[in-house]
Amino acid sequence: MDEVFKALADPTRRELLDRLFERDGQTLSALEEPLPMSRFGVMKHLKVLEEAGLVTTQKRGREKLHYLNPVPIRLIHDRWVSKYAEPWASALSELKRELEGDENSENEEDEG
């Protein structure tokens, strides 16, 4: 998991992941086009993402296509985010039930 956090710490790598999320299966040329850095710099970022398991590649002829692998991010979510978010979600659900319960009892009083 440390490699995933390290990979996600860099804004350029996050941008590359966002671009793969928008359109999976891109070549290095397509990924490097809008970035203000050299081809070699983009390759280094992609290597970090591959080592973290966030990007997989597949050869198609002479091209190498890059694909997003969302599994490591989901594992982080399951391990770190969801358990901390659960109490908040439960509290909001309870608040909603209470407010709707109060609203229903007011409507019943108006009708009666």
PDB file of N, CA and C in Angstrom:
ATOM      1  N   MET A   1       0.813  -1.192   0.000  1.00  0.00           N
ATOM      2  CA  MET A   1       0.000   0.000   0.000  1.00  0.00           C
ATOM      3  C   MET A   1       0.862   1.265   0.000  1.00  0.00           C
ATOM      4  N   ASP A   2       2.070   1.172   0.514  1.00  0.00           N
ATOM      5  CA  ASP A   2       2.941   2.345   0.535  1.00  0.00           C
ATOM      6  C   ASP A   2       3.227   2.860  -0.873  1.00  0.00           C
ATOM      7  N   GLU A   3       3.413   1.929  -1.838  1.00  0.00           N
ATOM      8  CA  GLU A   3       3.678   2.342  -3.219  1.00  0.00           C
ATOM      9  C   GLU A   3       2.489   3.093  -3.802  1.00  0.00           C
ATOM     10  N   VAL A   4       1.295   2.666  -3.438  1.00  0.00           N
ATOM     11  CA  VAL A   4       0.086   3.332  -3.947  1.00  0.00           C
ATOM     12  C   VAL A   4       0.003   4.747  -3.389  1.00  0.00           C
ATOM     13  N   PHE A   5       0.219   4.903  -2.085  1.00  0.00           N
ATOM     14  CA  PHE A   5       0.196   6.248  -1.491  1.00  0.00           C
ATOM     15  C   PHE A   5       1.283   7.125  -2.104  1.00  0.00           C
ATOM     16  N   LYS A   6       2.465   6.576  -2.318  1.00  0.00           N
ATOM     17  CA  LYS A   6       3.560   7.333  -2.933  1.00  0.00           C
ATOM     18  C   LYS A   6       3.166   7.759  -4.340  1.00  0.00           C
ATOM     19  N   ALA A   7       2.571   6.850  -5.093  1.00  0.00           N
ATOM     20  CA  ALA A   7       2.171   7.169  -6.464  1.00  0.00           C
ATOM     21  C   ALA A   7       1.090   8.243  -6.493  1.00  0.00           C
ATOM     22  N   LEU A   8       0.149   8.160  -5.569  1.00  0.00           N
ATOM     23  CA  LEU A   8      -0.954   9.125  -5.536  1.00  0.00           C
ATOM     24  C   LEU A   8      -0.543  10.486  -4.989  1.00  0.00           C
ATOM     25  N   ALA A   9       0.625  10.562  -4.363  1.00  0.00           N
ATOM     26  CA  ALA A   9       1.070  11.812  -3.755  1.00  0.00           C
ATOM     27  C   ALA A   9       1.451  12.873  -4.787  1.00  0.00           C
ATOM     28  N   ASP A  10       1.740  12.459  -5.995  1.00  0.00           N
ATOM     29  CA  ASP A  10       2.214  13.398  -7.015  1.00  0.00           C
ATOM     30  C   ASP A  10       1.056  13.873  -7.901  1.00  0.00           C
ATOM     31  N   PRO A  11       0.910  15.190  -8.097  1.00  0.00           N
ATOM     32  CA  PRO A  11      -0.201  15.701  -8.906  1.00  0.00           C
ATOM     33  C   PRO A  11      -0.152  15.269 -10.374  1.00  0.00           C
ATOM     34  N   THR A  12       1.041  15.125 -10.941  1.00  0.00           N
ATOM     35  CA  THR A  12       1.144  14.676 -12.332  1.00  0.00           C
ATOM     36  C   THR A  12       0.641  13.246 -12.470  1.00  0.00           C
ATOM     37  N   ARG A  13       0.991  12.397 -11.513  1.00  0.00           N
ATOM     38  CA  ARG A  13       0.524  11.009 -11.573  1.00  0.00           C
ATOM     39  C   ARG A  13      -0.985  10.933 -11.379  1.00  0.00           C
ATOM     40  N   ARG A  14      -1.517  11.774 -10.505  1.00  0.00           N
ATOM     41  CA  ARG A  14      -2.983  11.809 -10.339  1.00  0.00           C
ATOM     42  C   ARG A  14      -3.653  12.262 -11.629  1.00  0.00           C
ATOM     43  N   GLU A  15      -3.044  13.216 -12.311  1.00  0.00           N
ATOM     44  CA  GLU A  15      -3.596  13.676 -13.590  1.00  0.00           C
ATOM     45  C   GLU A  15      -3.569  12.548 -14.625  1.00  0.00           C
ATOM     46  N   LEU A  16      -2.483  11.800 -14.664  1.00  0.00           N
ATOM     47  CA  LEU A  16      -2.415  10.671 -15.586  1.00  0.00           C
ATOM     48  C   LEU A  16      -3.517   9.647 -15.282  1.00  0.00           C
ATOM     49  N   LEU A  17      -3.738   9.372 -14.009  1.00  0.00           N
ATOM     50  CA  LEU A  17      -4.810   8.440 -13.633  1.00  0.00           C
ATOM     51  C   LEU A  17      -6.181   8.992 -14.022  1.00  0.00           C
ATOM     52  N   ASP A  18      -6.389  10.289 -13.822  1.00  0.00           N
ATOM     53  CA  ASP A  18      -7.655  10.904 -14.220  1.00  0.00           C
ATOM     54  C   ASP A  18      -7.872  10.782 -15.726  1.00  0.00           C
ATOM     55  N   ARG A  19      -6.820  10.986 -16.480  1.00  0.00           N
ATOM     56  CA  ARG A  19      -6.930  10.896 -17.943  1.00  0.00           C
ATOM     57  C   ARG A  19      -7.216   9.470 -18.382  1.00  0.00           C
ATOM     58  N   LEU A  20      -6.629   8.493 -17.690  1.00  0.00           N
ATOM     59  CA  LEU A  20      -6.933   7.094 -18.018  1.00  0.00           C
ATOM     60  C   LEU A  20      -8.343   6.721 -17.580  1.00  0.00           C
ATOM     61  N   PHE A  21      -8.828   7.342 -16.511  1.00  0.00           N
ATOM     62  CA  PHE A  21     -10.203   7.103 -16.087  1.00  0.00           C
ATOM     63  C   PHE A  21     -11.175   7.609 -17.155  1.00  0.00           C
ATOM     64  N   GLU A  22     -10.860   8.777 -17.716  1.00  0.00           N
ATOM     65  CA  GLU A  22     -11.709   9.364 -18.753  1.00  0.00           C
ATOM     66  C   GLU A  22     -11.680   8.540 -20.039  1.00  0.00           C
ATOM     67  N   ARG A  23     -10.503   8.075 -20.409  1.00  0.00           N
ATOM     68  CA  ARG A  23     -10.362   7.282 -21.640  1.00  0.00           C
ATOM     69  C   ARG A  23      -9.235   6.271 -21.428  1.00  0.00           C
ATOM     70  N   ASP A  24      -9.618   5.040 -21.192  1.00  0.00           N
ATOM     71  CA  ASP A  24      -8.654   3.969 -20.915  1.00  0.00           C
ATOM     72  C   ASP A  24      -7.967   3.514 -22.197  1.00  0.00           C
ATOM     73  N   GLY A  25      -6.800   2.927 -22.050  1.00  0.00           N
ATOM     74  CA  GLY A  25      -6.089   2.343 -23.186  1.00  0.00           C
ATOM     75  C   GLY A  25      -5.379   3.366 -24.046  1.00  0.00           C
ATOM     76  N   GLN A  26      -4.675   4.303 -23.420  1.00  0.00           N
ATOM     77  CA  GLN A  26      -3.982   5.347 -24.168  1.00  0.00           C
ATOM     78  C   GLN A  26      -2.504   5.014 -24.349  1.00  0.00           C
ATOM     79  N   THR A  27      -1.955   5.536 -25.420  1.00  0.00           N
ATOM     80  CA  THR A  27      -0.524   5.383 -25.686  1.00  0.00           C
ATOM     81  C   THR A  27       0.243   6.440 -24.893  1.00  0.00           C
ATOM     82  N   LEU A  28       1.544   6.241 -24.815  1.00  0.00           N
ATOM     83  CA  LEU A  28       2.413   7.224 -24.164  1.00  0.00           C
ATOM     84  C   LEU A  28       2.291   8.574 -24.854  1.00  0.00           C
ATOM     85  N   SER A  29       2.257   8.579 -26.173  1.00  0.00           N
ATOM     86  CA  SER A  29       2.135   9.836 -26.923  1.00  0.00           C
ATOM     87  C   SER A  29       0.868  10.590 -26.553  1.00  0.00           C
ATOM     88  N   ALA A  30      -0.238   9.889 -26.438  1.00  0.00           N
ATOM     89  CA  ALA A  30      -1.506  10.538 -26.084  1.00  0.00           C
ATOM     90  C   ALA A  30      -1.453  11.067 -24.656  1.00  0.00           C
ATOM     91  N   LEU A  31      -0.835  10.327 -23.764  1.00  0.00           N
ATOM     92  CA  LEU A  31      -0.769  10.749 -22.362  1.00  0.00           C
ATOM     93  C   LEU A  31       0.179  11.928 -22.156  1.00  0.00           C
ATOM     94  N   GLU A  32       1.238  11.976 -22.933  1.00  0.00           N
ATOM     95  CA  GLU A  32       2.224  13.044 -22.724  1.00  0.00           C
ATOM     96  C   GLU A  32       1.849  14.347 -23.401  1.00  0.00           C
ATOM     97  N   GLU A  33       0.971  14.294 -24.381  1.00  0.00           N
ATOM     98  CA  GLU A  33       0.639  15.459 -25.196  1.00  0.00           C
ATOM     99  C   GLU A  33       0.315  16.717 -24.391  1.00  0.00           C
ATOM    100  N   PRO A  34      -0.625  16.678 -23.437  1.00  0.00           N
ATOM    101  CA  PRO A  34      -0.978  17.923 -22.745  1.00  0.00           C
ATOM    102  C   PRO A  34      -0.068  18.271 -21.562  1.00  0.00           C
ATOM    103  N   LEU A  35       0.867  17.407 -21.231  1.00  0.00           N
ATOM    104  CA  LEU A  35       1.695  17.645 -20.045  1.00  0.00           C
ATOM    105  C   LEU A  35       2.924  18.491 -20.386  1.00  0.00           C
ATOM    106  N   PRO A  36       3.276  19.422 -19.517  1.00  0.00           N
ATOM    107  CA  PRO A  36       4.431  20.296 -19.760  1.00  0.00           C
ATOM    108  C   PRO A  36       5.741  19.647 -19.314  1.00  0.00           C
ATOM    109  N   MET A  37       6.010  18.447 -19.831  1.00  0.00           N
ATOM    110  CA  MET A  37       7.256  17.768 -19.470  1.00  0.00           C
ATOM    111  C   MET A  37       7.691  16.880 -20.617  1.00  0.00           C
ATOM    112  N   SER A  38       8.886  16.367 -20.503  1.00  0.00           N
ATOM    113  CA  SER A  38       9.436  15.532 -21.571  1.00  0.00           C
ATOM    114  C   SER A  38       8.778  14.159 -21.593  1.00  0.00           C
ATOM    115  N   ARG A  39       8.948  13.486 -22.699  1.00  0.00           N
ATOM    116  CA  ARG A  39       8.459  12.112 -22.841  1.00  0.00           C
ATOM    117  C   ARG A  39       9.068  11.226 -21.765  1.00  0.00           C
ATOM    118  N   PHE A  40      10.352  11.438 -21.497  1.00  0.00           N
ATOM    119  CA  PHE A  40      11.048  10.654 -20.482  1.00  0.00           C
ATOM    120  C   PHE A  40      10.443  10.887 -19.099  1.00  0.00           C
ATOM    121  N   GLY A  41      10.074  12.137 -18.798  1.00  0.00           N
ATOM    122  CA  GLY A  41       9.449  12.451 -17.510  1.00  0.00           C
ATOM    123  C   GLY A  41       8.116  11.729 -17.342  1.00  0.00           C
ATOM    124  N   VAL A  42       7.307  11.711 -18.395  1.00  0.00           N
ATOM    125  CA  VAL A  42       6.022  11.005 -18.346  1.00  0.00           C
ATOM    126  C   VAL A  42       6.259   9.513 -18.171  1.00  0.00           C
ATOM    127  N   MET A  43       7.262   8.984 -18.857  1.00  0.00           N
ATOM    128  CA  MET A  43       7.594   7.552 -18.732  1.00  0.00           C
ATOM    129  C   MET A  43       7.960   7.208 -17.283  1.00  0.00           C
ATOM    130  N   LYS A  44       8.708   8.087 -16.632  1.00  0.00           N
ATOM    131  CA  LYS A  44       9.084   7.848 -15.235  1.00  0.00           C
ATOM    132  C   LYS A  44       7.842   7.824 -14.336  1.00  0.00           C
ATOM    133  N   HIS A  45       6.911   8.737 -14.558  1.00  0.00           N
ATOM    134  CA  HIS A  45       5.679   8.756 -13.773  1.00  0.00           C
ATOM    135  C   HIS A  45       4.851   7.496 -14.022  1.00  0.00           C
ATOM    136  N   LEU A  46       4.768   7.091 -15.271  1.00  0.00           N
ATOM    137  CA  LEU A  46       4.011   5.875 -15.595  1.00  0.00           C
ATOM    138  C   LEU A  46       4.651   4.640 -14.962  1.00  0.00           C
ATOM    139  N   LYS A  47       5.970   4.628 -14.891  1.00  0.00           N
ATOM    140  CA  LYS A  47       6.660   3.497 -14.257  1.00  0.00           C
ATOM    141  C   LYS A  47       6.293   3.408 -12.773  1.00  0.00           C
ATOM    142  N   VAL A  48       6.239   4.539 -12.083  1.00  0.00           N
ATOM    143  CA  VAL A  48       5.841   4.548 -10.667  1.00  0.00           C
ATOM    144  C   VAL A  48       4.412   4.026 -10.529  1.00  0.00           C
ATOM    145  N   LEU A  49       3.531   4.464 -11.426  1.00  0.00           N
ATOM    146  CA  LEU A  49       2.140   4.013 -11.386  1.00  0.00           C
ATOM    147  C   LEU A  49       2.031   2.516 -11.664  1.00  0.00           C
ATOM    148  N   GLU A  50       2.840   2.017 -12.585  1.00  0.00           N
ATOM    149  CA  GLU A  50       2.852   0.576 -12.878  1.00  0.00           C
ATOM    150  C   GLU A  50       3.364  -0.219 -11.681  1.00  0.00           C
ATOM    151  N   GLU A  51       4.433   0.252 -11.061  1.00  0.00           N
ATOM    152  CA  GLU A  51       5.002  -0.446  -9.906  1.00  0.00           C
ATOM    153  C   GLU A  51       4.014  -0.487  -8.737  1.00  0.00           C
ATOM    154  N   ALA A  52       3.166   0.522  -8.646  1.00  0.00           N
ATOM    155  CA  ALA A  52       2.149   0.558  -7.590  1.00  0.00           C
ATOM    156  C   ALA A  52       0.919  -0.269  -7.964  1.00  0.00           C
ATOM    157  N   GLY A  53       0.889  -0.764  -9.193  1.00  0.00           N
ATOM    158  CA  GLY A  53      -0.244  -1.557  -9.646  1.00  0.00           C
ATOM    159  C   GLY A  53      -1.442  -0.731 -10.078  1.00  0.00           C
ATOM    160  N   LEU A  54      -1.259   0.571 -10.210  1.00  0.00           N
ATOM    161  CA  LEU A  54      -2.357   1.451 -10.597  1.00  0.00           C
ATOM    162  C   LEU A  54      -2.554   1.523 -12.104  1.00  0.00           C
ATOM    163  N   VAL A  55      -1.528   1.159 -12.846  1.00  0.00           N
ATOM    164  CA  VAL A  55      -1.591   1.163 -14.303  1.00  0.00           C
ATOM    165  C   VAL A  55      -1.059  -0.168 -14.810  1.00  0.00           C
ATOM    166  N   THR A  56      -1.750  -0.724 -15.770  1.00  0.00           N
ATOM    167  CA  THR A  56      -1.273  -1.930 -16.449  1.00  0.00           C
ATOM    168  C   THR A  56      -1.066  -1.571 -17.918  1.00  0.00           C
ATOM    169  N   THR A  57      -0.262  -2.365 -18.588  1.00  0.00           N
ATOM    170  CA  THR A  57       0.008  -2.084 -19.995  1.00  0.00           C
ATOM    171  C   THR A  57      -0.252  -3.323 -20.835  1.00  0.00           C
ATOM    172  N   GLN A  58      -0.487  -3.057 -22.105  1.00  0.00           N
ATOM    173  CA  GLN A  58      -0.699  -4.144 -23.058  1.00  0.00           C
ATOM    174  C   GLN A  58      -0.109  -3.707 -24.390  1.00  0.00           C
ATOM    175  N   LYS A  59       0.654  -4.600 -24.994  1.00  0.00           N
ATOM    176  CA  LYS A  59       1.247  -4.309 -26.297  1.00  0.00           C
ATOM    177  C   LYS A  59       0.207  -4.576 -27.379  1.00  0.00           C
ATOM    178  N   ARG A  60       0.105  -3.649 -28.326  1.00  0.00           N
ATOM    179  CA  ARG A  60      -0.745  -3.825 -29.499  1.00  0.00           C
ATOM    180  C   ARG A  60       0.084  -3.402 -30.696  1.00  0.00           C
ATOM    181  N   GLY A  61       0.649  -4.407 -31.346  1.00  0.00           N
ATOM    182  CA  GLY A  61       1.578  -4.103 -32.433  1.00  0.00           C
ATOM    183  C   GLY A  61       2.799  -3.396 -31.874  1.00  0.00           C
ATOM    184  N   ARG A  62       3.089  -2.229 -32.430  1.00  0.00           N
ATOM    185  CA  ARG A  62       4.230  -1.440 -31.945  1.00  0.00           C
ATOM    186  C   ARG A  62       3.845  -0.513 -30.802  1.00  0.00           C
ATOM    187  N   GLU A  63       2.560  -0.417 -30.507  1.00  0.00           N
ATOM    188  CA  GLU A  63       2.096   0.485 -29.464  1.00  0.00           C
ATOM    189  C   GLU A  63       1.997  -0.224 -28.115  1.00  0.00           C
ATOM    190  N   LYS A  64       2.188   0.552 -27.083  1.00  0.00           N
ATOM    191  CA  LYS A  64       1.993   0.070 -25.717  1.00  0.00           C
ATOM    192  C   LYS A  64       0.849   0.889 -25.133  1.00  0.00           C
ATOM    193  N   LEU A  65      -0.240   0.211 -24.796  1.00  0.00           N
ATOM    194  CA  LEU A  65      -1.416   0.886 -24.271  1.00  0.00           C
ATOM    195  C   LEU A  65      -1.420   0.832 -22.750  1.00  0.00           C
ATOM    196  N   HIS A  66      -1.845   1.918 -22.131  1.00  0.00           N
ATOM    197  CA  HIS A  66      -1.876   2.037 -20.677  1.00  0.00           C
ATOM    198  C   HIS A  66      -3.320   2.018 -20.201  1.00  0.00           C
ATOM    199  N   TYR A  67      -3.569   1.217 -19.167  1.00  0.00           N
ATOM    200  CA  TYR A  67      -4.917   1.055 -18.629  1.00  0.00           C
ATOM    201  C   TYR A  67      -4.913   1.312 -17.128  1.00  0.00           C
ATOM    202  N   LEU A  68      -5.979   1.935 -16.656  1.00  0.00           N
ATOM    203  CA  LEU A  68      -6.158   2.178 -15.233  1.00  0.00           C
ATOM    204  C   LEU A  68      -6.560   0.878 -14.543  1.00  0.00           C
ATOM    205  N   ASN A  69      -5.920   0.596 -13.420  1.00  0.00           N
ATOM    206  CA  ASN A  69      -6.315  -0.523 -12.561  1.00  0.00           C
ATOM    207  C   ASN A  69      -6.826   0.091 -11.258  1.00  0.00           C
ATOM    208  N   PRO A  70      -8.148   0.164 -11.072  1.00  0.00           N
ATOM    209  CA  PRO A  70      -8.697   0.839  -9.898  1.00  0.00           C
ATOM    210  C   PRO A  70      -8.668   0.006  -8.611  1.00  0.00           C
ATOM    211  N   VAL A  71      -8.249  -1.247  -8.698  1.00  0.00           N
ATOM    212  CA  VAL A  71      -8.298  -2.130  -7.526  1.00  0.00           C
ATOM    213  C   VAL A  71      -7.481  -1.588  -6.347  1.00  0.00           C
ATOM    214  N   PRO A  72      -6.233  -1.143  -6.530  1.00  0.00           N
ATOM    215  CA  PRO A  72      -5.485  -0.630  -5.371  1.00  0.00           C
ATOM    216  C   PRO A  72      -6.158   0.573  -4.708  1.00  0.00           C
ATOM    217  N   ILE A  73      -6.799   1.429  -5.494  1.00  0.00           N
ATOM    218  CA  ILE A  73      -7.491   2.574  -4.920  1.00  0.00           C
ATOM    219  C   ILE A  73      -8.702   2.096  -4.125  1.00  0.00           C
ATOM    220  N   ARG A  74      -9.388   1.094  -4.636  1.00  0.00           N
ATOM    221  CA  ARG A  74     -10.543   0.542  -3.916  1.00  0.00           C
ATOM    222  C   ARG A  74     -10.093  -0.085  -2.595  1.00  0.00           C
ATOM    223  N   LEU A  75      -8.948  -0.764  -2.607  1.00  0.00           N
ATOM    224  CA  LEU A  75      -8.439  -1.363  -1.376  1.00  0.00           C
ATOM    225  C   LEU A  75      -8.132  -0.289  -0.336  1.00  0.00           C
ATOM    226  N   ILE A  76      -7.589   0.839  -0.785  1.00  0.00           N
ATOM    227  CA  ILE A  76      -7.334   1.955   0.137  1.00  0.00           C
ATOM    228  C   ILE A  76      -8.657   2.475   0.673  1.00  0.00           C
ATOM    229  N   HIS A  77      -9.612   2.623  -0.204  1.00  0.00           N
ATOM    230  CA  HIS A  77     -10.938   3.087   0.229  1.00  0.00           C
ATOM    231  C   HIS A  77     -11.510   2.152   1.281  1.00  0.00           C
ATOM    232  N   ASP A  78     -11.485   0.855   0.991  1.00  0.00           N
ATOM    233  CA  ASP A  78     -12.046  -0.117   1.930  1.00  0.00           C
ATOM    234  C   ASP A  78     -11.315  -0.106   3.264  1.00  0.00           C
ATOM    235  N   ARG A  79     -10.001   0.052   3.213  1.00  0.00           N
ATOM    236  CA  ARG A  79      -9.185  -0.015   4.427  1.00  0.00           C
ATOM    237  C   ARG A  79      -9.216   1.274   5.234  1.00  0.00           C
ATOM    238  N   TRP A  80      -9.149   2.417   4.545  1.00  0.00           N
ATOM    239  CA  TRP A  80      -8.952   3.673   5.249  1.00  0.00           C
ATOM    240  C   TRP A  80     -10.145   4.617   5.208  1.00  0.00           C
ATOM    241  N   VAL A  81     -10.851   4.680   4.120  1.00  0.00           N
ATOM    242  CA  VAL A  81     -11.905   5.682   3.989  1.00  0.00           C
ATOM    243  C   VAL A  81     -13.230   5.189   4.542  1.00  0.00           C
ATOM    244  N   SER A  82     -13.656   4.016   4.108  1.00  0.00           N
ATOM    245  CA  SER A  82     -15.004   3.566   4.453  1.00  0.00           C
ATOM    246  C   SER A  82     -15.210   3.399   5.955  1.00  0.00           C
ATOM    247  N   LYS A  83     -14.211   2.907   6.662  1.00  0.00           N
ATOM    248  CA  LYS A  83     -14.422   2.699   8.095  1.00  0.00           C
ATOM    249  C   LYS A  83     -14.535   4.020   8.855  1.00  0.00           C
ATOM    250  N   TYR A  84     -13.882   5.068   8.348  1.00  0.00           N
ATOM    251  CA  TYR A  84     -13.992   6.371   8.997  1.00  0.00           C
ATOM    252  C   TYR A  84     -15.241   7.122   8.547  1.00  0.00           C
ATOM    253  N   ALA A  85     -15.712   6.826   7.350  1.00  0.00           N
ATOM    254  CA  ALA A  85     -16.909   7.487   6.826  1.00  0.00           C
ATOM    255  C   ALA A  85     -18.185   6.870   7.386  1.00  0.00           C
ATOM    256  N   GLU A  86     -18.147   5.620   7.788  1.00  0.00           N
ATOM    257  CA  GLU A  86     -19.342   4.916   8.251  1.00  0.00           C
ATOM    258  C   GLU A  86     -20.045   5.616   9.412  1.00  0.00           C
ATOM    259  N   PRO A  87     -19.346   6.032  10.458  1.00  0.00           N
ATOM    260  CA  PRO A  87     -20.060   6.723  11.542  1.00  0.00           C
ATOM    261  C   PRO A  87     -20.773   7.993  11.061  1.00  0.00           C
ATOM    262  N   TRP A  88     -20.154   8.729  10.134  1.00  0.00           N
ATOM    263  CA  TRP A  88     -20.780   9.942   9.604  1.00  0.00           C
ATOM    264  C   TRP A  88     -22.019   9.589   8.794  1.00  0.00           C
ATOM    265  N   ALA A  89     -21.914   8.563   7.959  1.00  0.00           N
ATOM    266  CA  ALA A  89     -23.053   8.152   7.142  1.00  0.00           C
ATOM    267  C   ALA A  89     -24.189   7.666   8.028  1.00  0.00           C
ATOM    268  N   SER A  90     -23.865   6.913   9.051  1.00  0.00           N
ATOM    269  CA  SER A  90     -24.891   6.429   9.980  1.00  0.00           C
ATOM    270  C   SER A  90     -25.569   7.592  10.692  1.00  0.00           C
ATOM    271  N   ALA A  91     -24.780   8.559  11.129  1.00  0.00           N
ATOM    272  CA  ALA A  91     -25.336   9.717  11.831  1.00  0.00           C
ATOM    273  C   ALA A  91     -26.255  10.516  10.910  1.00  0.00           C
ATOM    274  N   LEU A  92     -25.854  10.689   9.653  1.00  0.00           N
ATOM    275  CA  LEU A  92     -26.701  11.410   8.707  1.00  0.00           C
ATOM    276  C   LEU A  92     -27.990  10.650   8.412  1.00  0.00           C
ATOM    277  N   SER A  93     -27.902   9.331   8.304  1.00  0.00           N
ATOM    278  CA  SER A  93     -29.103   8.516   8.084  1.00  0.00           C
ATOM    279  C   SER A  93     -30.058   8.634   9.270  1.00  0.00           C
ATOM    280  N   GLU A  94     -29.508   8.587  10.461  1.00  0.00           N
ATOM    281  CA  GLU A  94     -30.332   8.707  11.663  1.00  0.00           C
ATOM    282  C   GLU A  94     -30.982  10.085  11.736  1.00  0.00           C
ATOM    283  N   LEU A  95     -30.225  11.120  11.417  1.00  0.00           N
ATOM    284  CA  LEU A  95     -30.770  12.472  11.408  1.00  0.00           C
ATOM    285  C   LEU A  95     -31.907  12.581  10.395  1.00  0.00           C
ATOM    286  N   LYS A  96     -31.706  12.009   9.225  1.00  0.00           N
ATOM    287  CA  LYS A  96     -32.746  12.027   8.190  1.00  0.00           C
ATOM    288  C   LYS A  96     -34.006  11.330   8.692  1.00  0.00           C
ATOM    289  N   ARG A  97     -33.853  10.167   9.293  1.00  0.00           N
ATOM    290  CA  ARG A  97     -35.010   9.433   9.833  1.00  0.00           C
ATOM    291  C   ARG A  97     -35.730  10.264  10.888  1.00  0.00           C
ATOM    292  N   GLU A  98     -34.969  10.901  11.759  1.00  0.00           N
ATOM    293  CA  GLU A  98     -35.576  11.718  12.811  1.00  0.00           C
ATOM    294  C   GLU A  98     -36.325  12.908  12.226  1.00  0.00           C
ATOM    295  N   LEU A  99     -35.704  13.585  11.272  1.00  0.00           N
ATOM    296  CA  LEU A  99     -36.358  14.749  10.666  1.00  0.00           C
ATOM    297  C   LEU A  99     -37.609  14.345   9.897  1.00  0.00           C
ATOM    298  N   GLU A 100     -37.524  13.268   9.165  1.00  0.00           N
ATOM    299  CA  GLU A 100     -38.688  12.799   8.425  1.00  0.00           C
ATOM    300  C   GLU A 100     -39.769  12.318   9.381  1.00  0.00           C
ATOM    301  N   GLY A 101     -39.376  11.736  10.495  1.00  0.00           N
ATOM    302  CA  GLY A 101     -40.339  11.307  11.502  1.00  0.00           C
ATOM    303  C   GLY A 101     -41.059  12.494  12.091  1.00  0.00           C
ATOM    304  N   ASP A 102     -40.317  13.571  12.392  1.00  0.00           N
ATOM    305  CA  ASP A 102     -40.924  14.786  12.930  1.00  0.00           C
ATOM    306  C   ASP A 102     -41.849  15.411  11.897  1.00  0.00           C
ATOM    307  N   GLU A 103     -41.450  15.409  10.646  1.00  0.00           N
ATOM    308  CA  GLU A 103     -42.251  15.975   9.573  1.00  0.00           C
ATOM    309  C   GLU A 103     -43.553  15.191   9.408  1.00  0.00           C
ATOM    310  N   ASN A 104     -43.465  13.858   9.480  1.00  0.00           N
ATOM    311  CA  ASN A 104     -44.660  13.030   9.357  1.00  0.00           C
ATOM    312  C   ASN A 104     -45.623  13.275  10.508  1.00  0.00           C
ATOM    313  N   SER A 105     -45.109  13.431  11.723  1.00  0.00           N
ATOM    314  CA  SER A 105     -45.985  13.659  12.870  1.00  0.00           C
ATOM    315  C   SER A 105     -46.643  15.041  12.784  1.00  0.00           C
ATOM    316  N   GLU A 106     -45.952  16.063  12.207  1.00  0.00           N
ATOM    317  CA  GLU A 106     -46.546  17.377  12.021  1.00  0.00           C
ATOM    318  C   GLU A 106     -47.678  17.308  11.003  1.00  0.00           C
ATOM    319  N   ASN A 107     -47.476  16.536   9.922  1.00  0.00           N
ATOM    320  CA  ASN A 107     -48.507  16.395   8.902  1.00  0.00           C
ATOM    321  C   ASN A 107     -49.731  15.706   9.476  1.00  0.00           C
ATOM    322  N   GLU A 108     -49.536  14.744  10.343  1.00  0.00           N
ATOM    323  CA  GLU A 108     -50.648  14.024  10.962  1.00  0.00           C
ATOM    324  C   GLU A 108     -51.430  14.968  11.866  1.00  0.00           C
ATOM    325  N   GLU A 109     -50.719  15.880  12.579  1.00  0.00           N
ATOM    326  CA  GLU A 109     -51.392  16.840  13.460  1.00  0.00           C
ATOM    327  C   GLU A 109     -52.226  17.819  12.647  1.00  0.00           C
ATOM    328  N   ASP A 110     -51.680  18.243  11.482  1.00  0.00           N
ATOM    329  CA  ASP A 110     -52.408  19.187  10.626  1.00  0.00           C
ATOM    330  C   ASP A 110     -53.693  18.581  10.103  1.00  0.00           C
ATOM    331  N   GLU A 111     -53.651  17.285   9.790  1.00  0.00           N
ATOM    332  CA  GLU A 111     -54.822  16.603   9.228  1.00  0.00           C
ATOM    333  C   GLU A 111     -55.887  16.365  10.284  1.00  0.00           C
ATOM    334  N   GLY A 112     -55.478  16.199  11.533  1.00  0.00           N
ATOM    335  CA  GLY A 112     -56.398  15.813  12.589  1.00  0.00           C
ATOM    336  C   GLY A 112     -57.093  16.911  13.236  1.00  0.00           C
TER     337      GLY A 112
END
